[in-house]
N, C-alpha and C. Protein backbone atom coordinates (compact mmCIF):
# COMPACT_ATOMS: atom_id res chain seq x y z
N MET A 1 97.89 80.49 126.63
CA MET A 1 98.51 79.25 126.19
C MET A 1 97.44 78.20 125.98
N LEU A 2 97.53 77.50 124.85
CA LEU A 2 96.56 76.47 124.54
C LEU A 2 96.85 75.22 125.36
N LYS A 3 95.77 74.61 125.84
CA LYS A 3 95.88 73.35 126.55
C LYS A 3 95.63 72.22 125.56
N PRO A 4 96.25 71.06 125.76
CA PRO A 4 96.03 69.94 124.85
C PRO A 4 94.54 69.63 124.64
N ALA A 5 93.72 69.82 125.65
CA ALA A 5 92.28 69.55 125.53
C ALA A 5 91.60 70.50 124.54
N ASP A 6 92.20 71.66 124.29
CA ASP A 6 91.64 72.64 123.35
C ASP A 6 91.94 72.31 121.90
N LEU A 7 92.84 71.39 121.67
CA LEU A 7 93.31 71.08 120.32
C LEU A 7 92.42 70.03 119.66
N ILE A 8 92.14 70.26 118.38
CA ILE A 8 91.27 69.39 117.60
C ILE A 8 92.12 68.75 116.50
N PRO A 9 92.01 67.45 116.30
CA PRO A 9 92.78 66.79 115.24
C PRO A 9 92.43 67.36 113.86
N LEU A 10 93.41 67.39 112.97
CA LEU A 10 93.23 67.96 111.64
C LEU A 10 92.05 67.31 110.90
N ALA A 11 91.87 66.01 111.04
CA ALA A 11 90.76 65.33 110.36
C ALA A 11 89.41 65.91 110.78
N ARG A 12 89.26 66.24 112.05
CA ARG A 12 88.00 66.85 112.52
C ARG A 12 87.86 68.28 112.02
N ILE A 13 88.96 68.99 111.89
CA ILE A 13 88.92 70.35 111.34
C ILE A 13 88.46 70.31 109.89
N VAL A 14 89.01 69.39 109.11
CA VAL A 14 88.62 69.25 107.71
C VAL A 14 87.13 68.89 107.63
N ALA A 15 86.67 68.00 108.50
CA ALA A 15 85.26 67.62 108.52
C ALA A 15 84.38 68.83 108.82
N GLN A 16 84.81 69.67 109.74
CA GLN A 16 84.04 70.87 110.08
C GLN A 16 84.00 71.85 108.91
N ILE A 17 85.10 71.98 108.19
CA ILE A 17 85.12 72.85 107.01
C ILE A 17 84.16 72.30 105.95
N ARG A 18 84.11 70.98 105.79
CA ARG A 18 83.16 70.38 104.84
C ARG A 18 81.72 70.70 105.23
N ILE A 19 81.42 70.62 106.51
CA ILE A 19 80.07 70.95 107.00
C ILE A 19 79.74 72.40 106.67
N LEU A 20 80.69 73.30 106.91
CA LEU A 20 80.47 74.72 106.60
C LEU A 20 80.27 74.93 105.10
N CYS A 21 81.02 74.21 104.28
CA CYS A 21 80.86 74.32 102.83
C CYS A 21 79.49 73.82 102.40
N ASN A 22 79.08 72.67 102.93
CA ASN A 22 77.76 72.11 102.60
C ASN A 22 76.62 73.03 103.02
N ALA A 23 76.84 73.79 104.10
CA ALA A 23 75.84 74.74 104.58
C ALA A 23 75.92 76.08 103.84
N ARG A 24 76.83 76.17 102.87
CA ARG A 24 77.06 77.39 102.08
C ARG A 24 77.40 78.59 102.97
N SER A 25 78.21 78.35 103.97
CA SER A 25 78.61 79.38 104.93
C SER A 25 79.67 80.31 104.34
N SER A 26 79.71 81.51 104.87
CA SER A 26 80.75 82.49 104.53
C SER A 26 81.42 82.94 105.81
N GLY A 27 82.72 83.12 105.76
CA GLY A 27 83.47 83.57 106.92
C GLY A 27 84.90 83.06 106.86
N ILE A 28 85.56 83.13 107.99
CA ILE A 28 86.97 82.71 108.07
C ILE A 28 87.13 81.70 109.20
N MET A 29 87.74 80.56 108.88
CA MET A 29 88.11 79.57 109.89
C MET A 29 89.54 79.92 110.31
N PHE A 30 89.69 80.28 111.58
CA PHE A 30 91.01 80.60 112.13
C PHE A 30 91.53 79.38 112.86
N LEU A 31 92.79 79.04 112.60
CA LEU A 31 93.43 77.90 113.24
C LEU A 31 94.73 78.35 113.90
N VAL A 32 94.99 77.80 115.08
CA VAL A 32 96.28 77.98 115.75
C VAL A 32 96.75 76.58 116.11
N SER A 33 97.86 76.17 115.50
CA SER A 33 98.36 74.81 115.70
C SER A 33 99.00 74.64 117.06
N GLU A 34 99.29 73.39 117.37
CA GLU A 34 99.94 73.08 118.64
C GLU A 34 101.33 73.71 118.72
N GLU A 35 101.93 74.04 117.57
CA GLU A 35 103.23 74.73 117.54
C GLU A 35 103.05 76.25 117.51
N ASN A 36 101.81 76.69 117.72
CA ASN A 36 101.45 78.11 117.73
C ASN A 36 101.60 78.77 116.36
N ARG A 37 101.35 78.01 115.31
CA ARG A 37 101.35 78.52 113.94
C ARG A 37 99.92 78.87 113.56
N MET A 38 99.77 79.97 112.82
CA MET A 38 98.45 80.45 112.42
C MET A 38 98.11 79.98 111.00
N ALA A 39 96.83 79.72 110.78
CA ALA A 39 96.32 79.40 109.44
C ALA A 39 94.90 79.93 109.34
N GLN A 40 94.47 80.20 108.12
CA GLN A 40 93.11 80.67 107.87
C GLN A 40 92.57 79.99 106.63
N VAL A 41 91.26 79.67 106.67
CA VAL A 41 90.55 79.18 105.50
C VAL A 41 89.38 80.13 105.29
N HIS A 42 89.35 80.78 104.14
CA HIS A 42 88.32 81.77 103.82
C HIS A 42 87.23 81.11 102.99
N LEU A 43 85.98 81.25 103.43
CA LEU A 43 84.84 80.67 102.73
C LEU A 43 83.90 81.77 102.25
N SER A 44 83.34 81.58 101.07
CA SER A 44 82.33 82.48 100.54
C SER A 44 81.23 81.62 99.93
N ALA A 45 80.04 81.67 100.54
CA ALA A 45 78.89 80.88 100.08
C ALA A 45 79.25 79.40 99.90
N GLY A 46 80.01 78.87 100.85
CA GLY A 46 80.37 77.46 100.82
C GLY A 46 81.56 77.08 99.97
N GLU A 47 82.17 78.04 99.34
CA GLU A 47 83.35 77.79 98.51
C GLU A 47 84.61 78.28 99.23
N VAL A 48 85.65 77.47 99.19
CA VAL A 48 86.94 77.91 99.73
C VAL A 48 87.52 78.89 98.72
N VAL A 49 87.68 80.14 99.15
CA VAL A 49 88.18 81.18 98.24
C VAL A 49 89.60 81.60 98.58
N GLY A 50 90.13 81.12 99.70
CA GLY A 50 91.50 81.46 100.05
C GLY A 50 91.99 80.67 101.24
N VAL A 51 93.29 80.41 101.25
CA VAL A 51 93.94 79.72 102.35
C VAL A 51 95.24 80.45 102.63
N ILE A 52 95.49 80.70 103.92
CA ILE A 52 96.74 81.34 104.34
C ILE A 52 97.34 80.50 105.46
N CYS A 53 98.63 80.24 105.38
CA CYS A 53 99.33 79.52 106.44
C CYS A 53 100.78 79.97 106.46
N ARG A 54 101.21 80.50 107.58
CA ARG A 54 102.60 80.93 107.77
C ARG A 54 103.08 81.84 106.64
N SER A 55 102.28 82.82 106.33
CA SER A 55 102.55 83.85 105.33
C SER A 55 102.51 83.34 103.89
N LYS A 56 102.15 82.10 103.69
CA LYS A 56 101.97 81.54 102.34
C LYS A 56 100.49 81.53 102.01
N ARG A 57 100.20 81.58 100.70
CA ARG A 57 98.81 81.58 100.24
C ARG A 57 98.59 80.47 99.23
N GLY A 58 97.33 80.08 99.07
CA GLY A 58 96.96 79.12 98.05
C GLY A 58 97.55 77.74 98.28
N LEU A 59 98.02 77.12 97.19
CA LEU A 59 98.54 75.75 97.27
C LEU A 59 99.74 75.64 98.21
N ALA A 60 100.58 76.66 98.24
CA ALA A 60 101.74 76.64 99.15
C ALA A 60 101.26 76.58 100.60
N ALA A 61 100.18 77.30 100.91
CA ALA A 61 99.62 77.29 102.27
C ALA A 61 99.02 75.93 102.59
N ILE A 62 98.32 75.34 101.63
CA ILE A 62 97.71 74.02 101.86
C ILE A 62 98.78 72.99 102.15
N LYS A 63 99.90 73.05 101.44
CA LYS A 63 101.00 72.11 101.69
C LYS A 63 101.51 72.24 103.12
N LEU A 64 101.61 73.48 103.61
CA LEU A 64 102.06 73.69 105.00
C LEU A 64 101.01 73.21 106.00
N MET A 65 99.74 73.39 105.67
CA MET A 65 98.68 72.98 106.58
C MET A 65 98.63 71.47 106.77
N ARG A 66 99.09 70.72 105.78
CA ARG A 66 99.09 69.26 105.90
C ARG A 66 99.96 68.79 107.06
N ASP A 67 100.90 69.63 107.50
CA ASP A 67 101.78 69.26 108.61
C ASP A 67 101.14 69.51 109.98
N ILE A 68 99.99 70.17 110.00
CA ILE A 68 99.31 70.43 111.26
C ILE A 68 98.67 69.13 111.74
N ARG A 69 99.02 68.72 112.95
CA ARG A 69 98.42 67.51 113.53
C ARG A 69 97.13 67.84 114.25
N SER A 70 97.13 68.96 114.97
CA SER A 70 95.94 69.40 115.69
C SER A 70 96.05 70.90 115.91
N ALA A 71 94.90 71.53 116.15
CA ALA A 71 94.88 72.98 116.29
C ALA A 71 93.64 73.42 117.05
N HIS A 72 93.69 74.64 117.56
CA HIS A 72 92.51 75.31 118.08
C HIS A 72 91.79 75.86 116.86
N MET A 73 90.46 75.79 116.85
CA MET A 73 89.68 76.19 115.69
C MET A 73 88.61 77.18 116.11
N ARG A 74 88.43 78.24 115.28
CA ARG A 74 87.36 79.21 115.52
C ARG A 74 86.86 79.70 114.17
N PHE A 75 85.53 79.62 113.97
CA PHE A 75 84.94 80.11 112.73
C PHE A 75 84.25 81.43 113.02
N ASP A 76 84.57 82.44 112.22
CA ASP A 76 83.98 83.77 112.38
C ASP A 76 83.19 84.10 111.13
N ASN A 77 81.86 84.06 111.25
CA ASN A 77 81.03 84.35 110.09
C ASN A 77 80.73 85.83 109.94
N THR A 78 81.26 86.65 110.84
CA THR A 78 81.10 88.09 110.72
C THR A 78 82.30 88.75 110.05
N ASN A 79 83.36 87.98 109.88
CA ASN A 79 84.60 88.49 109.30
C ASN A 79 84.77 87.88 107.91
N ILE A 80 84.33 88.61 106.91
CA ILE A 80 84.45 88.13 105.54
C ILE A 80 85.44 89.03 104.81
N ALA A 81 86.64 88.50 104.63
CA ALA A 81 87.71 89.30 104.02
C ALA A 81 87.87 88.93 102.56
N THR A 82 88.36 89.86 101.81
CA THR A 82 88.72 89.57 100.43
C THR A 82 90.23 89.36 100.39
N LEU A 83 90.65 88.41 99.61
CA LEU A 83 92.08 88.13 99.47
C LEU A 83 92.56 88.71 98.16
N ASP A 84 93.58 89.50 98.21
CA ASP A 84 94.12 90.11 97.00
C ASP A 84 95.20 89.24 96.39
């Protein structure tokens, strides 16, 4: 179970994704919201190549992610998936 101290505000998550993009990082940012909803942001050489949230992809997923107030965040640079 996530503790409130483990949760990061969405604005800080977006800032961290920007840092990863500027560093031309590749990998997957995994998010678990305070409501226990999952989301992923897929990066390839600093470009966002895919977004998944609650079984939605792309723009539909981004719209759902806007409702996340805070989440646990983990970036895995060893897990580079392709989105079909």
